N, C-alpha and C. Protein backbone atom coordinates (compact mmCIF):
# COMPACT_ATOMS: atom_id res chain seq x y z
N UNK A 1 175.23 -155.61 74.63
CA UNK A 1 174.36 -156.60 74.44
C UNK A 1 173.29 -156.41 73.61
N UNK A 2 172.88 -157.52 72.62
CA UNK A 2 171.78 -157.54 71.85
C UNK A 2 170.51 -157.70 72.51
N UNK A 3 169.35 -157.43 71.93
CA UNK A 3 167.87 -157.79 72.47
C UNK A 3 167.87 -159.15 72.96
N UNK A 4 168.17 -160.03 72.19
CA UNK A 4 168.26 -161.52 72.57
C UNK A 4 168.91 -161.76 73.88
N UNK A 5 169.91 -161.12 73.84
CA UNK A 5 170.75 -161.54 75.18
C UNK A 5 170.13 -160.70 76.43
N UNK A 6 169.60 -159.61 76.21
CA UNK A 6 168.99 -158.75 77.33
C UNK A 6 167.83 -159.41 77.70
N UNK A 7 166.93 -160.10 76.80
CA UNK A 7 165.55 -160.86 76.95
C UNK A 7 166.03 -161.96 78.17
N UNK A 8 167.16 -162.82 77.59
CA UNK A 8 167.47 -163.93 78.35
C UNK A 8 167.83 -163.61 79.78
N UNK A 9 168.62 -162.40 79.94
CA UNK A 9 169.01 -162.12 81.32
C UNK A 9 167.91 -161.58 82.08
N UNK A 10 167.04 -161.00 81.35
CA UNK A 10 165.75 -160.35 82.25
C UNK A 10 165.04 -161.53 82.67
N UNK A 11 164.80 -162.56 81.68
CA UNK A 11 164.18 -163.83 82.12
C UNK A 11 164.72 -164.75 83.23
N UNK A 12 166.00 -164.76 83.26
CA UNK A 12 166.87 -165.48 84.23
C UNK A 12 166.66 -164.67 85.55
N UNK A 13 166.83 -163.55 85.50
CA UNK A 13 166.87 -162.62 86.63
C UNK A 13 165.37 -162.66 87.49
N UNK A 14 164.44 -162.83 86.65
CA UNK A 14 162.90 -162.84 87.12
C UNK A 14 162.78 -163.99 88.15
N UNK A 15 163.67 -165.13 87.53
CA UNK A 15 163.52 -166.32 88.81
C UNK A 15 164.41 -166.34 89.72
N UNK A 16 165.20 -165.47 89.97
CA UNK A 16 165.92 -165.50 91.24
C UNK A 16 165.44 -164.56 92.34
N UNK A 17 165.48 -165.30 93.55
CA UNK A 17 165.01 -164.74 94.74
C UNK A 17 166.02 -163.64 95.32
N UNK A 18 165.78 -162.39 95.32
CA UNK A 18 166.84 -161.27 95.95
C UNK A 18 166.26 -160.82 97.16
N UNK A 19 165.03 -161.29 97.80
CA UNK A 19 164.68 -160.99 98.89
C UNK A 19 165.27 -160.73 100.10
N UNK A 20 166.27 -161.59 100.25
CA UNK A 20 167.19 -161.48 101.44
C UNK A 20 168.46 -160.36 101.24
N UNK A 21 168.32 -159.69 100.02
CA UNK A 21 169.13 -158.74 100.10
C UNK A 21 168.70 -157.54 100.34
N UNK A 22 169.21 -156.73 101.13
CA UNK A 22 168.65 -155.55 101.80
C UNK A 22 169.31 -154.30 101.27
N UNK A 23 170.47 -154.25 100.77
CA UNK A 23 171.35 -153.25 100.37
C UNK A 23 171.42 -153.15 98.78
N UNK A 24 170.99 -151.97 98.18
CA UNK A 24 171.10 -151.72 96.90
C UNK A 24 172.51 -152.02 96.11
N UNK A 25 173.61 -151.49 97.00
CA UNK A 25 175.04 -151.94 96.39
C UNK A 25 175.18 -153.26 96.18
N UNK A 26 174.70 -154.12 97.22
CA UNK A 26 174.87 -155.51 97.20
C UNK A 26 173.98 -156.24 95.95
N UNK A 27 172.86 -155.89 95.97
CA UNK A 27 171.98 -156.36 94.87
C UNK A 27 172.55 -155.90 93.47
N UNK A 28 172.96 -154.70 93.22
CA UNK A 28 173.70 -154.49 91.93
C UNK A 28 174.68 -155.41 91.61
N UNK A 29 175.58 -155.70 92.78
CA UNK A 29 176.72 -156.67 92.51
C UNK A 29 176.20 -158.06 92.28
N UNK A 30 175.28 -158.45 92.92
CA UNK A 30 174.66 -159.84 92.79
C UNK A 30 174.26 -159.99 91.42
N UNK A 31 173.66 -158.95 90.67
CA UNK A 31 173.02 -158.91 89.40
C UNK A 31 174.27 -158.97 88.34
N UNK A 32 175.40 -158.13 88.58
CA UNK A 32 176.33 -158.13 87.79
C UNK A 32 177.10 -159.55 88.06
N UNK A 33 177.23 -160.03 89.09
CA UNK A 33 177.85 -161.35 89.01
C UNK A 33 177.26 -162.38 88.30
N UNK A 34 175.81 -162.38 88.51
CA UNK A 34 174.97 -163.35 87.80
C UNK A 34 175.30 -163.24 86.35
N UNK A 35 175.19 -161.98 85.74
CA UNK A 35 175.53 -161.81 84.31
C UNK A 35 176.80 -162.19 84.04
N UNK A 36 177.84 -161.92 84.87
CA UNK A 36 179.24 -162.32 84.58
C UNK A 36 179.48 -163.86 84.35
N UNK A 37 178.48 -164.44 85.19
CA UNK A 37 178.72 -166.09 85.14
C UNK A 37 178.04 -166.62 84.05
N UNK A 38 176.82 -166.04 83.57
CA UNK A 38 176.05 -166.52 82.33
C UNK A 38 177.01 -166.35 81.16
N UNK A 39 177.86 -165.20 81.00
CA UNK A 39 178.82 -164.97 80.18
C UNK A 39 179.67 -166.13 79.96
N UNK A 40 180.36 -166.32 81.22
CA UNK A 40 181.43 -167.27 81.50
C UNK A 40 181.01 -168.72 81.07
N UNK A 41 179.88 -169.10 81.30
CA UNK A 41 179.32 -170.12 81.07
C UNK A 41 178.89 -170.40 79.51
N UNK A 42 178.92 -169.38 78.90
CA UNK A 42 178.60 -169.42 77.70
C UNK A 42 177.15 -169.41 77.08
N UNK A 43 176.46 -168.65 77.79
CA UNK A 43 174.84 -168.51 77.46
C UNK A 43 174.73 -167.85 76.29
N UNK A 44 175.58 -166.93 76.10
CA UNK A 44 175.43 -165.93 74.93
C UNK A 44 176.39 -166.37 73.53
N UNK A 45 176.77 -167.41 73.61
CA UNK A 45 177.77 -168.10 72.78
C UNK A 45 176.78 -168.74 71.55
N UNK A 46 176.72 -168.10 70.49
CA UNK A 46 175.91 -168.87 69.47
C UNK A 46 176.32 -170.40 69.07
N UNK A 47 177.62 -170.61 69.30
CA UNK A 47 178.15 -171.85 68.90
C UNK A 47 177.72 -172.80 69.90
N UNK A 48 177.33 -172.36 71.15
CA UNK A 48 176.88 -173.53 71.88
C UNK A 48 175.58 -174.12 71.71
N UNK A 49 175.52 -175.36 71.56
CA UNK A 49 174.36 -176.23 71.32
C UNK A 49 173.91 -176.90 72.35
N UNK A 50 172.63 -176.66 72.84
CA UNK A 50 172.03 -177.09 74.10
C UNK A 50 170.66 -177.64 73.66
N UNK A 51 170.39 -178.74 74.02
CA UNK A 51 168.88 -179.33 73.88
C UNK A 51 168.07 -178.84 74.79
N UNK A 52 167.30 -178.04 74.50
CA UNK A 52 166.30 -177.43 75.30
C UNK A 52 164.97 -178.28 75.41
N UNK A 53 164.67 -178.88 74.41
CA UNK A 53 163.68 -179.80 74.11
C UNK A 53 163.98 -181.33 74.32
N UNK A 54 163.25 -182.06 74.87
CA UNK A 54 163.42 -183.56 75.00
C UNK A 54 162.94 -184.37 73.67
N UNK A 55 163.08 -185.69 73.85
CA UNK A 55 162.78 -186.37 72.61
C UNK A 55 161.28 -186.13 72.17
N UNK A 56 160.38 -185.97 73.20
CA UNK A 56 158.96 -185.70 72.77
C UNK A 56 158.61 -184.35 72.45
N UNK A 57 159.70 -183.53 72.17
CA UNK A 57 159.73 -182.10 71.68
C UNK A 57 158.94 -181.20 72.84
N UNK A 58 159.20 -181.56 74.07
CA UNK A 58 158.75 -180.82 75.33
C UNK A 58 160.02 -180.01 75.88
N UNK A 59 159.58 -178.98 76.34
CA UNK A 59 160.78 -178.24 77.10
C UNK A 59 161.35 -178.86 78.23
N UNK A 60 162.64 -179.00 78.40
CA UNK A 60 163.19 -179.80 79.44
C UNK A 60 163.26 -178.96 80.73
N UNK A 61 163.33 -179.06 81.69
CA UNK A 61 163.33 -178.30 83.08
C UNK A 61 164.71 -177.40 83.06
N UNK A 62 164.40 -176.19 83.35
CA UNK A 62 165.60 -175.45 83.46
C UNK A 62 166.91 -175.82 83.99
N UNK A 63 166.70 -176.63 85.15
CA UNK A 63 168.05 -177.28 85.90
C UNK A 63 168.71 -178.03 85.18
N UNK A 64 168.02 -178.71 84.38
CA UNK A 64 168.54 -179.97 83.52
C UNK A 64 169.55 -179.22 82.08
N UNK A 65 168.75 -178.11 81.99
CA UNK A 65 169.35 -177.71 80.71
C UNK A 65 170.66 -176.67 81.16
N UNK A 66 170.73 -175.97 82.42
CA UNK A 66 171.68 -175.27 83.31
C UNK A 66 172.53 -176.20 83.34
N UNK A 67 172.29 -177.55 83.91
CA UNK A 67 173.49 -178.64 83.88
C UNK A 67 174.17 -179.04 82.82
N UNK A 68 173.50 -179.11 81.78
CA UNK A 68 174.31 -179.41 80.45
C UNK A 68 175.12 -178.28 79.96
N UNK A 69 174.75 -177.00 80.39
CA UNK A 69 175.73 -175.87 80.11
C UNK A 69 176.90 -175.93 80.86
N UNK A 70 176.56 -176.06 82.17
CA UNK A 70 177.67 -176.02 83.17
C UNK A 70 178.63 -177.18 82.93
N UNK A 71 178.21 -178.30 82.50
CA UNK A 71 178.87 -179.55 82.32
C UNK A 71 180.04 -179.34 81.40
N UNK A 72 179.72 -178.46 80.33
CA UNK A 72 180.56 -178.29 79.11
C UNK A 72 181.86 -177.45 79.66
N UNK A 73 181.41 -176.26 80.36
CA UNK A 73 182.31 -175.44 80.71
C UNK A 73 183.27 -175.92 81.98
N UNK A 74 182.54 -176.45 82.87
CA UNK A 74 183.01 -176.82 84.27
C UNK A 74 183.62 -178.36 84.36
N UNK A 75 183.54 -178.93 83.28
CA UNK A 75 183.95 -180.39 83.35
C UNK A 75 185.55 -180.42 83.85
N UNK A 76 185.83 -181.58 84.61
CA UNK A 76 187.17 -181.78 85.13
C UNK A 76 187.97 -182.54 84.11
N UNK A 77 189.28 -182.05 84.03
CA UNK A 77 190.26 -182.84 83.12
C UNK A 77 190.55 -184.02 84.01
N UNK A 78 191.20 -185.07 83.41
CA UNK A 78 191.77 -186.05 84.21
C UNK A 78 192.70 -185.86 85.39
N UNK A 79 193.53 -184.78 85.20
CA UNK A 79 194.22 -184.48 86.21
C UNK A 79 193.63 -183.44 87.21
N UNK A 80 192.57 -182.86 86.91
CA UNK A 80 191.80 -181.89 87.90
C UNK A 80 191.36 -182.57 89.17
N UNK A 81 191.41 -182.05 90.41
CA UNK A 81 190.72 -182.35 91.56
C UNK A 81 189.70 -181.45 92.11
N UNK A 82 188.62 -181.66 92.60
CA UNK A 82 187.66 -180.93 92.77
C UNK A 82 187.79 -180.32 94.35
N UNK A 83 187.29 -179.35 94.63
CA UNK A 83 187.39 -178.76 96.02
C UNK A 83 185.90 -178.42 96.82
N UNK A 84 185.54 -178.79 97.69
CA UNK A 84 184.30 -178.28 98.50
C UNK A 84 184.63 -177.64 99.69
N UNK A 85 184.04 -176.38 99.55
CA UNK A 85 184.21 -175.61 100.95
C UNK A 85 182.67 -175.38 101.42
N UNK A 86 182.23 -175.70 102.58
CA UNK A 86 180.86 -175.45 103.02
C UNK A 86 181.02 -174.75 104.37
N UNK A 87 180.30 -173.82 104.60
CA UNK A 87 180.18 -173.12 105.91
C UNK A 87 178.86 -172.65 106.07
N UNK A 88 178.40 -173.15 107.03
CA UNK A 88 176.92 -172.95 107.57
C UNK A 88 177.11 -171.91 109.02
N UNK A 89 176.46 -171.03 108.79
CA UNK A 89 176.45 -169.95 109.98
C UNK A 89 175.00 -169.92 110.76
N UNK A 90 175.05 -170.39 111.84
CA UNK A 90 173.66 -170.52 112.57
C UNK A 90 173.51 -169.26 113.65
N UNK A 91 172.45 -168.91 113.60
CA UNK A 91 172.08 -167.87 114.89
C UNK A 91 171.21 -169.11 115.83
N UNK A 92 171.81 -169.12 117.02
CA UNK A 92 171.16 -170.02 118.12
C UNK A 92 170.62 -169.34 119.04
N UNK A 93 169.50 -169.67 119.66
CA UNK A 93 168.94 -169.18 120.94
C UNK A 93 168.45 -170.30 121.70
N UNK A 94 169.11 -170.32 123.13
CA UNK A 94 168.68 -171.29 124.07
C UNK A 94 167.47 -170.97 124.56
N UNK A 95 166.53 -171.94 124.32
CA UNK A 95 165.11 -171.71 124.67
C UNK A 95 164.58 -171.51 126.09
N UNK A 96 165.44 -171.84 126.98
CA UNK A 96 165.19 -171.67 128.27
C UNK A 96 165.87 -170.32 128.78
N UNK A 97 167.05 -170.02 128.38
CA UNK A 97 167.55 -168.82 128.90
C UNK A 97 167.38 -167.48 127.87
N UNK A 98 166.94 -167.76 126.68
CA UNK A 98 166.65 -166.96 125.66
C UNK A 98 168.03 -166.13 125.41
N UNK A 99 169.03 -166.79 125.65
CA UNK A 99 170.53 -166.21 125.28
C UNK A 99 170.66 -166.64 123.60
N UNK A 100 171.48 -165.74 123.12
CA UNK A 100 171.56 -166.08 121.58
C UNK A 100 173.05 -165.94 121.42
N UNK A 101 173.63 -166.61 120.45
CA UNK A 101 175.03 -166.71 119.96
C UNK A 101 175.01 -167.45 118.57
N UNK A 102 176.10 -167.33 118.03
CA UNK A 102 176.47 -167.83 116.60
C UNK A 102 177.36 -169.03 116.63
N UNK A 103 176.93 -170.03 115.81
CA UNK A 103 177.53 -171.28 115.77
C UNK A 103 177.79 -171.44 114.09
N UNK A 104 178.94 -172.17 114.03
CA UNK A 104 179.62 -172.31 112.61
C UNK A 104 179.90 -173.77 112.56
N UNK A 105 179.67 -174.11 111.36
CA UNK A 105 179.91 -175.68 110.89
C UNK A 105 180.65 -175.43 109.75
N UNK A 106 181.79 -175.96 109.55
CA UNK A 106 182.75 -175.61 108.26
C UNK A 106 183.41 -176.99 107.93
N UNK A 107 183.31 -177.28 106.48
CA UNK A 107 184.03 -178.26 106.09
C UNK A 107 184.90 -177.66 104.77
N UNK A 108 186.31 -178.15 104.50
CA UNK A 108 187.13 -177.97 103.49
C UNK A 108 187.62 -179.21 103.12
N UNK A 109 187.39 -179.73 102.03
CA UNK A 109 187.89 -181.02 101.46
C UNK A 109 188.02 -181.12 100.03
N UNK A 110 189.01 -181.73 99.61
CA UNK A 110 189.31 -181.93 98.29
C UNK A 110 189.14 -183.38 97.70
N UNK A 111 188.97 -183.37 96.51
CA UNK A 111 189.01 -185.02 95.99
C UNK A 111 190.16 -185.44 95.34
N UNK A 112 190.18 -186.52 94.64
CA UNK A 112 191.38 -186.92 93.95
C UNK A 112 190.90 -186.71 92.38
N UNK A 113 191.99 -186.81 91.75
CA UNK A 113 192.13 -186.97 90.36
C UNK A 113 191.71 -188.27 89.85
N UNK A 114 191.03 -188.09 88.58
CA UNK A 114 190.69 -189.37 87.91
C UNK A 114 192.05 -190.06 87.38
N UNK A 115 193.02 -189.22 87.01
CA UNK A 115 194.61 -189.97 86.61
C UNK A 115 195.16 -190.64 87.94
N UNK A 116 194.71 -190.37 89.07
CA UNK A 116 195.11 -191.04 90.07
C UNK A 116 194.07 -192.19 90.67
N UNK A 117 193.25 -192.35 89.88
CA UNK A 117 192.08 -193.44 90.03
C UNK A 117 191.47 -193.06 91.26
N UNK A 118 191.47 -191.95 91.79
CA UNK A 118 190.80 -191.36 92.83
C UNK A 118 189.28 -190.97 92.61
N UNK A 119 188.44 -190.51 93.73
CA UNK A 119 187.17 -190.33 93.86
C UNK A 119 187.10 -188.68 94.06
N UNK A 120 186.15 -188.14 93.27
CA UNK A 120 185.90 -186.62 93.67
C UNK A 120 185.30 -186.43 94.95
N UNK A 121 185.54 -185.33 95.68
CA UNK A 121 185.06 -185.00 96.88
C UNK A 121 183.41 -184.97 96.78
N UNK A 122 182.98 -184.46 95.58
CA UNK A 122 181.48 -184.23 95.23
C UNK A 122 181.09 -185.80 95.44
N UNK A 123 181.68 -186.63 94.71
CA UNK A 123 181.04 -188.03 94.62
C UNK A 123 181.38 -188.57 96.05
N UNK A 124 182.05 -188.34 96.74
CA UNK A 124 182.28 -188.84 98.17
C UNK A 124 181.17 -188.34 98.97
N UNK A 125 181.11 -186.84 99.08
CA UNK A 125 180.19 -186.31 100.00
C UNK A 125 178.60 -186.47 99.70
N UNK A 126 178.41 -186.68 98.43
CA UNK A 126 177.07 -187.02 97.94
C UNK A 126 176.82 -188.43 98.05
N UNK A 127 177.68 -189.27 97.32
CA UNK A 127 177.45 -190.51 97.12
C UNK A 127 177.43 -191.43 98.39
N UNK A 128 178.74 -191.22 99.19
CA UNK A 128 178.60 -192.05 100.30
C UNK A 128 177.55 -191.52 101.40
N UNK A 129 177.31 -190.21 101.64
CA UNK A 129 176.32 -189.72 102.36
C UNK A 129 174.70 -190.51 102.10
N UNK A 130 174.60 -190.69 100.81
CA UNK A 130 173.20 -191.32 100.35
C UNK A 130 173.40 -192.91 100.89
N UNK A 131 174.50 -193.37 100.57
CA UNK A 131 174.71 -194.97 100.77
C UNK A 131 174.63 -195.06 101.93
N UNK A 132 174.90 -194.28 102.80
CA UNK A 132 174.81 -194.40 104.37
C UNK A 132 173.50 -194.30 104.94
N UNK A 133 172.85 -193.33 104.41
CA UNK A 133 171.45 -193.26 104.89
C UNK A 133 170.52 -194.53 104.38
N UNK A 134 170.97 -194.99 102.91
CA UNK A 134 170.31 -196.10 102.76
C UNK A 134 170.60 -197.39 103.34
N UNK A 135 171.81 -197.64 103.95
CA UNK A 135 172.22 -198.49 104.92
C UNK A 135 171.42 -198.43 106.16
N UNK A 136 171.26 -196.99 106.70
CA UNK A 136 170.34 -197.07 107.82
C UNK A 136 169.05 -197.48 107.65
N UNK A 137 168.31 -197.14 106.53
CA UNK A 137 167.04 -197.76 106.11
C UNK A 137 167.04 -199.14 106.10
N UNK A 138 167.75 -199.79 105.49
CA UNK A 138 167.87 -201.25 105.36
C UNK A 138 168.12 -201.90 106.40
N UNK A 139 169.19 -201.46 107.46
CA UNK A 139 169.26 -201.93 108.75
C UNK A 139 168.16 -201.57 109.67
N UNK A 140 167.15 -200.84 109.15
CA UNK A 140 165.81 -200.51 110.14
C UNK A 140 166.22 -199.68 111.31
N UNK A 141 167.29 -198.88 111.16
CA UNK A 141 167.67 -198.02 112.11
C UNK A 141 167.08 -196.73 111.89
N UNK A 142 166.44 -196.65 110.75
CA UNK A 142 165.34 -195.29 110.46
C UNK A 142 164.11 -195.93 110.22
N UNK A 143 163.20 -195.52 111.44
CA UNK A 143 161.95 -196.11 111.43
C UNK A 143 160.85 -195.38 110.45
N UNK A 144 161.06 -194.20 110.46
CA UNK A 144 160.15 -193.19 109.69
C UNK A 144 160.29 -193.84 108.14
N UNK A 145 159.05 -193.52 107.50
CA UNK A 145 159.05 -193.81 105.79
C UNK A 145 158.82 -192.67 105.15
N UNK A 146 158.99 -192.81 104.07
CA UNK A 146 158.86 -191.48 103.06
C UNK A 146 159.93 -190.67 102.79
N UNK A 147 159.92 -189.39 102.31
CA UNK A 147 161.14 -188.72 101.78
C UNK A 147 161.22 -187.85 103.29
N UNK A 148 162.46 -188.22 103.79
CA UNK A 148 162.84 -187.34 105.12
C UNK A 148 164.00 -186.67 104.99
N UNK A 149 164.14 -185.32 105.72
CA UNK A 149 165.17 -184.59 105.86
C UNK A 149 166.15 -185.07 106.92
N UNK A 150 167.42 -185.09 106.94
CA UNK A 150 168.15 -185.48 107.75
C UNK A 150 168.18 -184.46 108.94
N UNK A 151 167.11 -184.19 109.56
CA UNK A 151 167.09 -183.08 110.77
C UNK A 151 167.06 -183.87 112.07
N UNK A 152 167.00 -185.08 112.04
CA UNK A 152 166.89 -185.55 113.49
C UNK A 152 168.23 -186.47 113.75
N UNK A 153 168.43 -186.57 114.97
CA UNK A 153 169.74 -187.31 115.66
C UNK A 153 169.87 -188.72 114.89
N UNK A 154 168.62 -189.58 115.01
CA UNK A 154 168.74 -190.87 114.39
C UNK A 154 169.19 -191.02 113.07
N UNK A 155 169.11 -189.85 112.22
CA UNK A 155 169.64 -189.90 110.83
C UNK A 155 171.01 -189.32 110.86
N UNK A 156 171.20 -187.94 111.26
CA UNK A 156 172.36 -187.54 111.04
C UNK A 156 173.70 -187.88 111.94
N UNK A 157 173.44 -188.38 113.23
CA UNK A 157 174.54 -188.69 113.94
C UNK A 157 175.28 -189.69 113.42
N UNK A 158 174.56 -191.02 113.14
CA UNK A 158 175.54 -192.24 112.75
C UNK A 158 176.32 -191.77 111.30
N UNK A 159 175.64 -190.97 110.54
CA UNK A 159 176.00 -190.58 109.15
C UNK A 159 177.04 -189.82 109.48
N UNK A 160 177.10 -188.85 110.21
CA UNK A 160 178.31 -187.73 110.34
C UNK A 160 179.50 -188.60 110.95
N UNK A 161 178.93 -189.38 112.08
CA UNK A 161 180.00 -190.34 112.76
C UNK A 161 181.00 -191.11 111.55
N UNK A 162 180.23 -191.84 110.81
CA UNK A 162 180.71 -192.53 109.78
C UNK A 162 181.68 -191.85 108.73
N UNK A 163 181.04 -190.72 108.17
CA UNK A 163 181.63 -189.85 107.32
C UNK A 163 183.10 -189.48 108.02
N UNK A 164 183.03 -189.28 109.40
CA UNK A 164 184.29 -188.65 109.64
C UNK A 164 185.21 -189.91 109.85
N UNK A 165 184.77 -191.03 110.82
CA UNK A 165 185.54 -192.14 111.05
C UNK A 165 186.17 -192.84 109.75
N UNK A 166 185.27 -193.07 108.90
CA UNK A 166 185.84 -194.07 107.94
C UNK A 166 185.96 -193.33 106.45
N UNK A 167 185.51 -192.06 106.37
CA UNK A 167 185.76 -191.39 105.25
C UNK A 167 186.48 -190.10 104.87
N UNK A 168 187.08 -189.61 106.44
CA UNK A 168 187.77 -188.32 106.50
C UNK A 168 187.04 -187.23 106.16
N UNK A 169 185.83 -187.08 106.04
CA UNK A 169 184.77 -186.01 105.94
C UNK A 169 184.51 -185.52 107.15
N UNK A 170 185.00 -184.42 107.37
CA UNK A 170 184.60 -183.76 108.94
C UNK A 170 184.16 -182.43 108.80
N UNK A 171 183.15 -182.08 109.54
CA UNK A 171 182.70 -180.74 109.62
C UNK A 171 183.19 -180.29 111.06
N UNK A 172 184.03 -179.03 111.08
CA UNK A 172 184.48 -178.49 112.19
C UNK A 172 183.66 -177.54 112.81
N UNK A 173 183.11 -177.89 114.16
CA UNK A 173 182.19 -177.06 114.68
C UNK A 173 182.75 -175.93 115.68
N UNK A 174 182.39 -174.71 115.58
CA UNK A 174 182.86 -173.71 116.35
C UNK A 174 181.73 -172.86 116.90
N UNK A 175 181.61 -172.70 118.19
CA UNK A 175 180.65 -171.97 118.78
C UNK A 175 181.00 -170.79 119.60
N UNK A 176 180.51 -169.66 119.65
CA UNK A 176 180.55 -168.70 120.55
C UNK A 176 180.38 -168.92 121.95
N UNK A 177 179.53 -170.04 122.15
CA UNK A 177 179.22 -170.48 123.53
C UNK A 177 178.99 -171.85 123.42
N UNK A 178 180.32 -172.43 123.51
CA UNK A 178 180.28 -173.94 123.44
C UNK A 178 179.73 -174.74 124.75
N UNK A 179 179.72 -174.35 125.77
CA UNK A 179 179.01 -174.70 127.15
C UNK A 179 177.51 -174.95 126.69
N UNK A 180 176.78 -173.66 126.47
CA UNK A 180 175.67 -173.73 125.96
C UNK A 180 175.22 -174.69 124.78
N UNK A 181 176.06 -174.56 123.93
CA UNK A 181 175.75 -175.56 122.67
C UNK A 181 175.85 -177.20 123.21
N UNK A 182 176.89 -177.40 123.86
CA UNK A 182 177.01 -178.85 124.52
C UNK A 182 175.49 -179.21 125.20
N UNK A 183 175.33 -178.28 126.09
CA UNK A 183 173.96 -178.55 127.00
C UNK A 183 172.80 -178.71 126.06
N UNK A 184 172.67 -177.87 124.98
CA UNK A 184 171.59 -178.13 124.07
C UNK A 184 171.70 -179.40 123.20
N UNK A 185 172.78 -180.00 123.47
CA UNK A 185 172.99 -181.37 122.72
C UNK A 185 173.29 -181.19 121.18
N UNK A 186 174.17 -180.19 121.10
CA UNK A 186 174.70 -180.23 119.53
C UNK A 186 175.16 -181.50 119.06
N UNK A 187 175.49 -181.68 117.95
CA UNK A 187 175.88 -182.91 117.32
C UNK A 187 177.15 -183.50 117.65
N UNK A 188 178.04 -182.61 118.36
CA UNK A 188 179.22 -183.11 118.95
C UNK A 188 179.78 -183.05 120.36
């Protein structure tokens, strides 16, 4: 790697939060994976033209530039379908009994191709979810105002129900302690 590439890697790695990695072997692997991803995406390709400045000649946000770079390499063809695999692992503690256990919430879903006149799963999971939240606000079913996280049952329960019932988007819930999870009022 030349000096410019090494400088880019150092600047990129300086922005990464590695605090959750406690194993040197895993840290080395994470750094190597980031560098391989940057190479795959074309960060070191002299032919890749990316506008890092906006029309006012100000530097654009890093996330916007990254999105442009990824959009070139990861664009779907008309026949491609996207796939979303999401797995959340929660460590749960019953506040009354202090008993601890693990709970997982998993979704595996694929979209449809543009050629089939379908919708991507990213479009469905992001767009439909946002539309459902907007409907709850317009129907005055969400009373709070401002920027809200979907962390309360009045927000997430109707959205999850509609996603499952009307759009086939399902999170599979698994708990090492299902009876305690149910007593605590888990979402299902």
